[in-house]
Amino acid sequence: MKSKLAALARSFRWAGCGVRHCVLHERNFRIHLAAALFVFWLAGALRVETAGFGLLSLAVGGVLAAEMLNTAVEAAVDLASPGRHPLAKLAKDVSAGAVLVMALASVGVGFAVLWRPEGLLALWRALLAHWQPKVLLVIYLALAAWFVFGFGGEKQTPA
């Protein structure tokens, strides 16, 4: 029993290493994380019901998982075909296209869940009426820009 728990713990640790790699080395993954944080904040501010949060979570999770699969495909292709090859290009293009399709579908989910004109108008008015939301927005945008463009290391390439 103890060895099965240790094996399970190891598998979670390896999965965590994969997530960590994407956070540190994949700019697009960080873009999706920054966008997700804003989407969940907006959902909370609009008082979205639990089912809406569930749909947003599935959409965000789908985009992040697609981005991770794209990273895995790119790494496997780079390992198998270090030089240029039309099939390597096809594999990379198709996996990147899958991320795009999932991201566009997630935008649709976001609009369906978050399109609440009265609530959005109230948030806009609050932003214009008070200085605190403006400061928080600028801080968020600055931190998001740093996280996306200034955080993490260079993308790893095959040795």
N, C-alpha and C. Protein backbone atom coordinates (compact mmCIF):
# COMPACT_ATOMS: atom_id res chain seq x y z
N MET A 1 0.83 -1.20 0.00
CA MET A 1 0.00 0.00 0.00
C MET A 1 0.87 1.26 0.00
N LYS A 2 1.94 1.20 0.81
CA LYS A 2 2.82 2.36 0.91
C LYS A 2 3.48 2.67 -0.43
N SER A 3 3.90 1.62 -1.16
CA SER A 3 4.57 1.84 -2.44
C SER A 3 3.59 2.40 -3.48
N LYS A 4 2.31 2.01 -3.39
CA LYS A 4 1.31 2.55 -4.32
C LYS A 4 1.08 4.03 -4.05
N LEU A 5 1.07 4.40 -2.78
CA LEU A 5 0.91 5.82 -2.44
C LEU A 5 2.13 6.62 -2.89
N ALA A 6 3.31 6.03 -2.73
CA ALA A 6 4.53 6.71 -3.16
C ALA A 6 4.53 6.88 -4.68
N ALA A 7 4.08 5.86 -5.40
CA ALA A 7 4.01 5.96 -6.86
C ALA A 7 3.00 7.03 -7.28
N LEU A 8 1.88 7.10 -6.57
CA LEU A 8 0.88 8.13 -6.87
C LEU A 8 1.46 9.52 -6.60
N ALA A 9 2.15 9.66 -5.49
CA ALA A 9 2.77 10.95 -5.16
C ALA A 9 3.79 11.34 -6.21
N ARG A 10 4.59 10.37 -6.69
CA ARG A 10 5.57 10.65 -7.74
C ARG A 10 4.88 11.11 -9.02
N SER A 11 3.77 10.47 -9.37
CA SER A 11 3.09 10.85 -10.61
C SER A 11 2.54 12.27 -10.51
N PHE A 12 2.04 12.65 -9.34
CA PHE A 12 1.59 14.03 -9.15
C PHE A 12 2.76 15.01 -9.20
N ARG A 13 3.90 14.60 -8.64
CA ARG A 13 5.08 15.46 -8.69
C ARG A 13 5.54 15.67 -10.13
N TRP A 14 5.55 14.62 -10.93
CA TRP A 14 5.94 14.74 -12.34
C TRP A 14 4.96 15.63 -13.10
N ALA A 15 3.67 15.47 -12.81
CA ALA A 15 2.67 16.33 -13.45
C ALA A 15 2.92 17.79 -13.06
N GLY A 16 3.23 18.00 -11.80
CA GLY A 16 3.55 19.37 -11.35
C GLY A 16 4.77 19.92 -12.06
N CYS A 17 5.75 19.06 -12.34
CA CYS A 17 6.93 19.50 -13.09
C CYS A 17 6.54 19.95 -14.49
N GLY A 18 5.57 19.27 -15.09
CA GLY A 18 5.10 19.66 -16.42
C GLY A 18 4.42 21.02 -16.40
N VAL A 19 3.58 21.24 -15.39
CA VAL A 19 2.91 22.55 -15.26
C VAL A 19 3.96 23.62 -15.01
N ARG A 20 4.90 23.34 -14.12
CA ARG A 20 5.96 24.31 -13.80
C ARG A 20 6.75 24.67 -15.06
N HIS A 21 7.07 23.66 -15.86
CA HIS A 21 7.81 23.92 -17.09
C HIS A 21 7.04 24.90 -17.98
N CYS A 22 5.75 24.66 -18.13
CA CYS A 22 4.95 25.54 -18.99
C CYS A 22 4.88 26.96 -18.44
N VAL A 23 4.75 27.09 -17.13
CA VAL A 23 4.72 28.44 -16.53
C VAL A 23 6.05 29.14 -16.77
N LEU A 24 7.14 28.42 -16.61
CA LEU A 24 8.46 29.04 -16.73
C LEU A 24 8.90 29.29 -18.17
N HIS A 25 8.49 28.43 -19.10
CA HIS A 25 9.08 28.48 -20.44
C HIS A 25 8.11 28.75 -21.58
N GLU A 26 6.83 28.78 -21.32
CA GLU A 26 5.86 28.95 -22.40
C GLU A 26 5.09 30.26 -22.24
N ARG A 27 5.45 31.26 -23.03
CA ARG A 27 4.80 32.57 -22.94
C ARG A 27 3.29 32.49 -23.15
N ASN A 28 2.86 31.70 -24.13
CA ASN A 28 1.43 31.61 -24.39
C ASN A 28 0.67 31.00 -23.22
N PHE A 29 1.28 30.07 -22.52
CA PHE A 29 0.67 29.50 -21.32
C PHE A 29 0.46 30.60 -20.28
N ARG A 30 1.47 31.46 -20.12
CA ARG A 30 1.34 32.57 -19.16
C ARG A 30 0.28 33.57 -19.61
N ILE A 31 0.15 33.79 -20.92
CA ILE A 31 -0.91 34.67 -21.43
C ILE A 31 -2.27 34.09 -21.03
N HIS A 32 -2.44 32.80 -21.22
CA HIS A 32 -3.72 32.17 -20.87
C HIS A 32 -3.98 32.25 -19.37
N LEU A 33 -2.95 32.08 -18.56
CA LEU A 33 -3.13 32.20 -17.10
C LEU A 33 -3.55 33.61 -16.70
N ALA A 34 -2.90 34.61 -17.28
CA ALA A 34 -3.25 36.00 -16.96
C ALA A 34 -4.68 36.31 -17.40
N ALA A 35 -5.06 35.83 -18.57
CA ALA A 35 -6.44 36.04 -19.05
C ALA A 35 -7.43 35.32 -18.15
N ALA A 36 -7.09 34.11 -17.72
CA ALA A 36 -7.98 33.35 -16.84
C ALA A 36 -8.21 34.07 -15.52
N LEU A 37 -7.15 34.63 -14.96
CA LEU A 37 -7.30 35.38 -13.71
C LEU A 37 -8.28 36.53 -13.88
N PHE A 38 -8.17 37.26 -14.98
CA PHE A 38 -9.10 38.37 -15.24
C PHE A 38 -10.52 37.85 -15.44
N VAL A 39 -10.68 36.77 -16.19
CA VAL A 39 -12.01 36.21 -16.44
C VAL A 39 -12.67 35.78 -15.13
N PHE A 40 -11.92 35.12 -14.26
CA PHE A 40 -12.51 34.69 -12.99
C PHE A 40 -12.81 35.88 -12.08
N TRP A 41 -11.97 36.90 -12.12
CA TRP A 41 -12.28 38.12 -11.36
C TRP A 41 -13.58 38.74 -11.89
N LEU A 42 -13.69 38.85 -13.20
CA LEU A 42 -14.89 39.43 -13.81
C LEU A 42 -16.13 38.61 -13.46
N ALA A 43 -16.01 37.30 -13.50
CA ALA A 43 -17.14 36.44 -13.14
C ALA A 43 -17.57 36.67 -11.70
N GLY A 44 -16.60 36.84 -10.81
CA GLY A 44 -16.94 37.14 -9.42
C GLY A 44 -17.59 38.50 -9.27
N ALA A 45 -17.06 39.49 -9.97
CA ALA A 45 -17.62 40.84 -9.89
C ALA A 45 -19.03 40.89 -10.45
N LEU A 46 -19.31 40.05 -11.44
CA LEU A 46 -20.66 40.00 -12.03
C LEU A 46 -21.59 39.04 -11.29
N ARG A 47 -21.07 38.41 -10.25
CA ARG A 47 -21.84 37.45 -9.45
C ARG A 47 -22.41 36.31 -10.31
N VAL A 48 -21.53 35.74 -11.09
CA VAL A 48 -21.92 34.61 -11.95
C VAL A 48 -22.25 33.42 -11.06
N GLU A 49 -23.29 32.69 -11.44
CA GLU A 49 -23.73 31.53 -10.67
C GLU A 49 -22.70 30.40 -10.77
N THR A 50 -22.88 29.40 -9.94
CA THR A 50 -21.94 28.29 -9.85
C THR A 50 -21.77 27.57 -11.18
N ALA A 51 -22.86 27.33 -11.89
CA ALA A 51 -22.77 26.64 -13.18
C ALA A 51 -21.92 27.44 -14.16
N GLY A 52 -22.04 28.76 -14.13
CA GLY A 52 -21.23 29.61 -15.00
C GLY A 52 -19.76 29.48 -14.67
N PHE A 53 -19.44 29.46 -13.36
CA PHE A 53 -18.04 29.26 -12.96
C PHE A 53 -17.55 27.90 -13.43
N GLY A 54 -18.42 26.90 -13.37
CA GLY A 54 -18.04 25.58 -13.85
C GLY A 54 -17.71 25.59 -15.34
N LEU A 55 -18.55 26.24 -16.12
CA LEU A 55 -18.29 26.34 -17.57
C LEU A 55 -17.00 27.09 -17.85
N LEU A 56 -16.78 28.19 -17.13
CA LEU A 56 -15.54 28.95 -17.31
C LEU A 56 -14.33 28.10 -16.93
N SER A 57 -14.46 27.34 -15.85
CA SER A 57 -13.35 26.48 -15.41
C SER A 57 -13.02 25.42 -16.45
N LEU A 58 -14.06 24.82 -17.03
CA LEU A 58 -13.82 23.83 -18.08
C LEU A 58 -13.16 24.47 -19.30
N ALA A 59 -13.61 25.65 -19.67
CA ALA A 59 -13.04 26.34 -20.83
C ALA A 59 -11.58 26.69 -20.57
N VAL A 60 -11.30 27.28 -19.42
CA VAL A 60 -9.92 27.65 -19.08
C VAL A 60 -9.04 26.40 -18.98
N GLY A 61 -9.54 25.38 -18.30
CA GLY A 61 -8.78 24.14 -18.19
C GLY A 61 -8.49 23.52 -19.55
N GLY A 62 -9.47 23.60 -20.44
CA GLY A 62 -9.27 23.07 -21.79
C GLY A 62 -8.18 23.81 -22.55
N VAL A 63 -8.17 25.12 -22.43
CA VAL A 63 -7.13 25.91 -23.12
C VAL A 63 -5.76 25.60 -22.54
N LEU A 64 -5.66 25.56 -21.21
CA LEU A 64 -4.36 25.29 -20.59
C LEU A 64 -3.88 23.88 -20.94
N ALA A 65 -4.79 22.91 -20.92
CA ALA A 65 -4.41 21.54 -21.28
C ALA A 65 -3.99 21.47 -22.75
N ALA A 66 -4.71 22.16 -23.63
CA ALA A 66 -4.33 22.17 -25.05
C ALA A 66 -2.96 22.79 -25.24
N GLU A 67 -2.68 23.85 -24.50
CA GLU A 67 -1.36 24.50 -24.59
C GLU A 67 -0.27 23.54 -24.12
N MET A 68 -0.55 22.79 -23.07
CA MET A 68 0.44 21.83 -22.57
C MET A 68 0.65 20.69 -23.57
N LEU A 69 -0.43 20.21 -24.17
CA LEU A 69 -0.28 19.17 -25.20
C LEU A 69 0.50 19.69 -26.40
N ASN A 70 0.27 20.93 -26.77
CA ASN A 70 1.04 21.55 -27.85
C ASN A 70 2.52 21.57 -27.51
N THR A 71 2.84 21.93 -26.28
CA THR A 71 4.23 21.94 -25.84
C THR A 71 4.83 20.54 -25.91
N ALA A 72 4.06 19.54 -25.50
CA ALA A 72 4.55 18.16 -25.54
C ALA A 72 4.78 17.71 -26.99
N VAL A 73 3.86 18.04 -27.88
CA VAL A 73 4.03 17.68 -29.30
C VAL A 73 5.27 18.36 -29.87
N GLU A 74 5.44 19.65 -29.58
CA GLU A 74 6.62 20.36 -30.08
C GLU A 74 7.91 19.72 -29.58
N ALA A 75 7.94 19.35 -28.29
CA ALA A 75 9.15 18.74 -27.74
C ALA A 75 9.42 17.39 -28.39
N ALA A 76 8.38 16.58 -28.57
CA ALA A 76 8.56 15.26 -29.18
C ALA A 76 9.01 15.39 -30.64
N VAL A 77 8.43 16.34 -31.35
CA VAL A 77 8.82 16.55 -32.75
C VAL A 77 10.26 17.04 -32.83
N ASP A 78 10.64 17.96 -31.96
CA ASP A 78 12.03 18.45 -31.96
C ASP A 78 13.01 17.32 -31.67
N LEU A 79 12.63 16.42 -30.78
CA LEU A 79 13.49 15.29 -30.45
C LEU A 79 13.61 14.33 -31.63
N ALA A 80 12.49 14.04 -32.27
CA ALA A 80 12.47 13.07 -33.37
C ALA A 80 13.01 13.64 -34.67
N SER A 81 12.86 14.94 -34.86
CA SER A 81 13.24 15.56 -36.13
C SER A 81 13.92 16.90 -35.86
N PRO A 82 15.20 16.86 -35.46
CA PRO A 82 15.89 18.12 -35.13
C PRO A 82 16.00 19.08 -36.31
N GLY A 83 16.04 18.55 -37.52
CA GLY A 83 16.11 19.40 -38.71
C GLY A 83 14.71 19.76 -39.19
N ARG A 84 14.68 20.55 -40.25
CA ARG A 84 13.38 20.93 -40.84
C ARG A 84 12.82 19.76 -41.66
N HIS A 85 11.53 19.53 -41.47
CA HIS A 85 10.86 18.49 -42.24
C HIS A 85 9.40 18.87 -42.37
N PRO A 86 8.79 18.67 -43.55
CA PRO A 86 7.39 19.07 -43.74
C PRO A 86 6.43 18.41 -42.75
N LEU A 87 6.68 17.15 -42.39
CA LEU A 87 5.79 16.48 -41.44
C LEU A 87 5.97 17.02 -40.03
N ALA A 88 7.19 17.41 -39.68
CA ALA A 88 7.42 18.03 -38.37
C ALA A 88 6.66 19.36 -38.31
N LYS A 89 6.74 20.12 -39.39
CA LYS A 89 6.00 21.39 -39.45
C LYS A 89 4.50 21.15 -39.33
N LEU A 90 4.01 20.14 -40.04
CA LEU A 90 2.58 19.83 -39.99
C LEU A 90 2.14 19.48 -38.57
N ALA A 91 2.91 18.64 -37.89
CA ALA A 91 2.56 18.25 -36.52
C ALA A 91 2.50 19.46 -35.61
N LYS A 92 3.50 20.33 -35.73
CA LYS A 92 3.53 21.53 -34.88
C LYS A 92 2.39 22.49 -35.23
N ASP A 93 2.13 22.68 -36.51
CA ASP A 93 1.06 23.58 -36.93
C ASP A 93 -0.31 23.08 -36.47
N VAL A 94 -0.53 21.78 -36.61
CA VAL A 94 -1.83 21.22 -36.21
C VAL A 94 -2.01 21.31 -34.70
N SER A 95 -0.96 21.04 -33.93
CA SER A 95 -1.12 21.13 -32.48
C SER A 95 -1.32 22.58 -32.04
N ALA A 96 -0.66 23.52 -32.69
CA ALA A 96 -0.90 24.93 -32.39
C ALA A 96 -2.32 25.33 -32.80
N GLY A 97 -2.78 24.80 -33.93
CA GLY A 97 -4.15 25.07 -34.37
C GLY A 97 -5.18 24.55 -33.38
N ALA A 98 -4.90 23.41 -32.75
CA ALA A 98 -5.81 22.87 -31.74
C ALA A 98 -5.94 23.83 -30.56
N VAL A 99 -4.83 24.45 -30.18
CA VAL A 99 -4.89 25.45 -29.10
C VAL A 99 -5.75 26.62 -29.53
N LEU A 100 -5.57 27.07 -30.76
CA LEU A 100 -6.36 28.20 -31.26
C LEU A 100 -7.85 27.87 -31.27
N VAL A 101 -8.21 26.68 -31.73
CA VAL A 101 -9.62 26.28 -31.75
C VAL A 101 -10.19 26.27 -30.33
N MET A 102 -9.45 25.71 -29.39
CA MET A 102 -9.92 25.66 -28.00
C MET A 102 -10.03 27.06 -27.42
N ALA A 103 -9.07 27.92 -27.71
CA ALA A 103 -9.11 29.29 -27.20
C ALA A 103 -10.31 30.04 -27.76
N LEU A 104 -10.59 29.88 -29.04
CA LEU A 104 -11.75 30.55 -29.64
C LEU A 104 -13.06 30.02 -29.05
N ALA A 105 -13.14 28.71 -28.84
CA ALA A 105 -14.33 28.15 -28.20
C ALA A 105 -14.49 28.70 -26.79
N SER A 106 -13.37 28.88 -26.09
CA SER A 106 -13.42 29.43 -24.73
C SER A 106 -13.88 30.87 -24.73
N VAL A 107 -13.50 31.63 -25.75
CA VAL A 107 -14.00 33.00 -25.86
C VAL A 107 -15.52 32.98 -26.01
N GLY A 108 -16.02 32.03 -26.79
CA GLY A 108 -17.47 31.89 -26.92
C GLY A 108 -18.14 31.56 -25.60
N VAL A 109 -17.55 30.66 -24.84
CA VAL A 109 -18.08 30.33 -23.51
C VAL A 109 -18.04 31.57 -22.62
N GLY A 110 -16.93 32.30 -22.68
CA GLY A 110 -16.81 33.51 -21.87
C GLY A 110 -17.90 34.52 -22.18
N PHE A 111 -18.15 34.75 -23.47
CA PHE A 111 -19.22 35.68 -23.84
C PHE A 111 -20.57 35.18 -23.35
N ALA A 112 -20.83 33.88 -23.52
CA ALA A 112 -22.13 33.33 -23.11
C ALA A 112 -22.35 33.49 -21.61
N VAL A 113 -21.30 33.29 -20.83
CA VAL A 113 -21.43 33.34 -19.37
C VAL A 113 -21.35 34.77 -18.85
N LEU A 114 -20.48 35.58 -19.43
CA LEU A 114 -20.20 36.91 -18.86
C LEU A 114 -20.97 38.05 -19.51
N TRP A 115 -21.66 37.81 -20.61
CA TRP A 115 -22.37 38.90 -21.26
C TRP A 115 -23.60 39.27 -20.45
N ARG A 116 -23.41 40.28 -19.60
CA ARG A 116 -24.46 40.81 -18.74
C ARG A 116 -24.36 42.33 -18.84
N PRO A 117 -25.04 42.91 -19.81
CA PRO A 117 -24.86 44.34 -20.09
C PRO A 117 -25.03 45.24 -18.87
N GLU A 118 -26.02 44.97 -18.02
CA GLU A 118 -26.23 45.84 -16.85
C GLU A 118 -25.05 45.75 -15.89
N GLY A 119 -24.60 44.53 -15.63
CA GLY A 119 -23.47 44.35 -14.72
C GLY A 119 -22.18 44.93 -15.28
N LEU A 120 -21.94 44.73 -16.57
CA LEU A 120 -20.74 45.28 -17.19
C LEU A 120 -20.76 46.80 -17.18
N LEU A 121 -21.94 47.37 -17.42
CA LEU A 121 -22.08 48.83 -17.38
C LEU A 121 -21.83 49.36 -15.98
N ALA A 122 -22.33 48.66 -14.97
CA ALA A 122 -22.09 49.08 -13.58
C ALA A 122 -20.60 49.02 -13.24
N LEU A 123 -19.91 47.97 -13.69
CA LEU A 123 -18.46 47.89 -13.46
C LEU A 123 -17.73 49.01 -14.17
N TRP A 124 -18.13 49.32 -15.39
CA TRP A 124 -17.51 50.40 -16.15
C TRP A 124 -17.70 51.73 -15.44
N ARG A 125 -18.90 51.97 -14.96
CA ARG A 125 -19.18 53.22 -14.23
C ARG A 125 -18.35 53.31 -12.96
N ALA A 126 -18.21 52.20 -12.25
CA ALA A 126 -17.39 52.19 -11.04
C ALA A 126 -15.93 52.48 -11.38
N LEU A 127 -15.46 51.94 -12.48
CA LEU A 127 -14.09 52.19 -12.91
C LEU A 127 -13.88 53.67 -13.20
N LEU A 128 -14.86 54.29 -13.85
CA LEU A 128 -14.74 55.71 -14.20
C LEU A 128 -14.95 56.63 -13.01
N ALA A 129 -15.75 56.21 -12.04
CA ALA A 129 -16.14 57.09 -10.94
C ALA A 129 -15.12 57.15 -9.82
N HIS A 130 -14.33 56.13 -9.65
CA HIS A 130 -13.42 56.06 -8.50
C HIS A 130 -11.99 55.83 -8.96
N TRP A 131 -11.04 56.32 -8.20
CA TRP A 131 -9.64 56.16 -8.59
C TRP A 131 -9.10 54.78 -8.23
N GLN A 132 -9.62 54.15 -7.17
CA GLN A 132 -9.08 52.87 -6.72
C GLN A 132 -9.16 51.78 -7.78
N PRO A 133 -10.30 51.60 -8.46
CA PRO A 133 -10.32 50.56 -9.50
C PRO A 133 -9.34 50.83 -10.63
N LYS A 134 -9.13 52.10 -10.94
CA LYS A 134 -8.16 52.43 -12.01
C LYS A 134 -6.76 52.02 -11.59
N VAL A 135 -6.41 52.31 -10.35
CA VAL A 135 -5.08 51.95 -9.85
C VAL A 135 -4.93 50.43 -9.84
N LEU A 136 -5.95 49.72 -9.36
CA LEU A 136 -5.88 48.26 -9.34
C LEU A 136 -5.77 47.68 -10.75
N LEU A 137 -6.48 48.27 -11.69
CA LEU A 137 -6.40 47.81 -13.08
C LEU A 137 -5.00 48.02 -13.65
N VAL A 138 -4.41 49.17 -13.39
CA VAL A 138 -3.06 49.45 -13.87
C VAL A 138 -2.06 48.48 -13.23
N ILE A 139 -2.22 48.23 -11.93
CA ILE A 139 -1.34 47.29 -11.24
C ILE A 139 -1.48 45.90 -11.84
N TYR A 140 -2.73 45.47 -12.05
CA TYR A 140 -2.96 44.15 -12.65
C TYR A 140 -2.31 44.06 -14.03
N LEU A 141 -2.53 45.07 -14.86
CA LEU A 141 -1.97 45.05 -16.21
C LEU A 141 -0.45 45.02 -16.19
N ALA A 142 0.15 45.79 -15.27
CA ALA A 142 1.61 45.79 -15.16
C ALA A 142 2.13 44.43 -14.70
N LEU A 143 1.47 43.85 -13.69
CA LEU A 143 1.89 42.53 -13.22
C LEU A 143 1.67 41.46 -14.29
N ALA A 144 0.56 41.56 -15.01
CA ALA A 144 0.29 40.59 -16.07
C ALA A 144 1.34 40.70 -17.17
N ALA A 145 1.70 41.93 -17.54
CA ALA A 145 2.73 42.12 -18.57
C ALA A 145 4.07 41.56 -18.11
N TRP A 146 4.42 41.81 -16.85
CA TRP A 146 5.67 41.25 -16.31
C TRP A 146 5.61 39.73 -16.31
N PHE A 147 4.49 39.17 -15.86
CA PHE A 147 4.34 37.72 -15.79
C PHE A 147 4.46 37.10 -17.18
N VAL A 148 3.83 37.71 -18.16
CA VAL A 148 3.82 37.14 -19.51
C VAL A 148 5.18 37.31 -20.20
N PHE A 149 5.75 38.51 -20.12
CA PHE A 149 6.93 38.81 -20.93
C PHE A 149 8.25 38.82 -20.16
N GLY A 150 8.21 39.02 -18.86
CA GLY A 150 9.45 39.15 -18.11
C GLY A 150 9.71 38.02 -17.14
N PHE A 151 8.80 37.08 -17.07
CA PHE A 151 8.89 35.99 -16.10
C PHE A 151 9.36 34.73 -16.81
N GLY A 152 10.09 33.90 -16.11
CA GLY A 152 10.47 32.62 -16.67
C GLY A 152 11.71 32.70 -17.54
N GLY A 153 12.13 31.55 -17.97
CA GLY A 153 13.34 31.46 -18.78
C GLY A 153 13.02 31.33 -20.24
N GLU A 154 14.07 31.21 -21.01
CA GLU A 154 13.92 31.02 -22.45
C GLU A 154 13.31 29.65 -22.72
N LYS A 155 12.64 29.57 -23.85
CA LYS A 155 12.08 28.30 -24.27
C LYS A 155 13.23 27.33 -24.50
N GLN A 156 13.08 26.14 -23.97
CA GLN A 156 14.15 25.16 -24.11
C GLN A 156 14.11 24.54 -25.50
N THR A 157 15.28 24.34 -26.05
CA THR A 157 15.40 23.69 -27.35
C THR A 157 16.21 22.42 -27.17
N PRO A 158 16.09 21.49 -28.10
CA PRO A 158 16.82 20.24 -27.95
C PRO A 158 18.33 20.46 -27.94
N ALA A 159 19.03 19.62 -27.22
CA ALA A 159 20.50 19.72 -27.11
C ALA A 159 21.18 19.28 -28.38
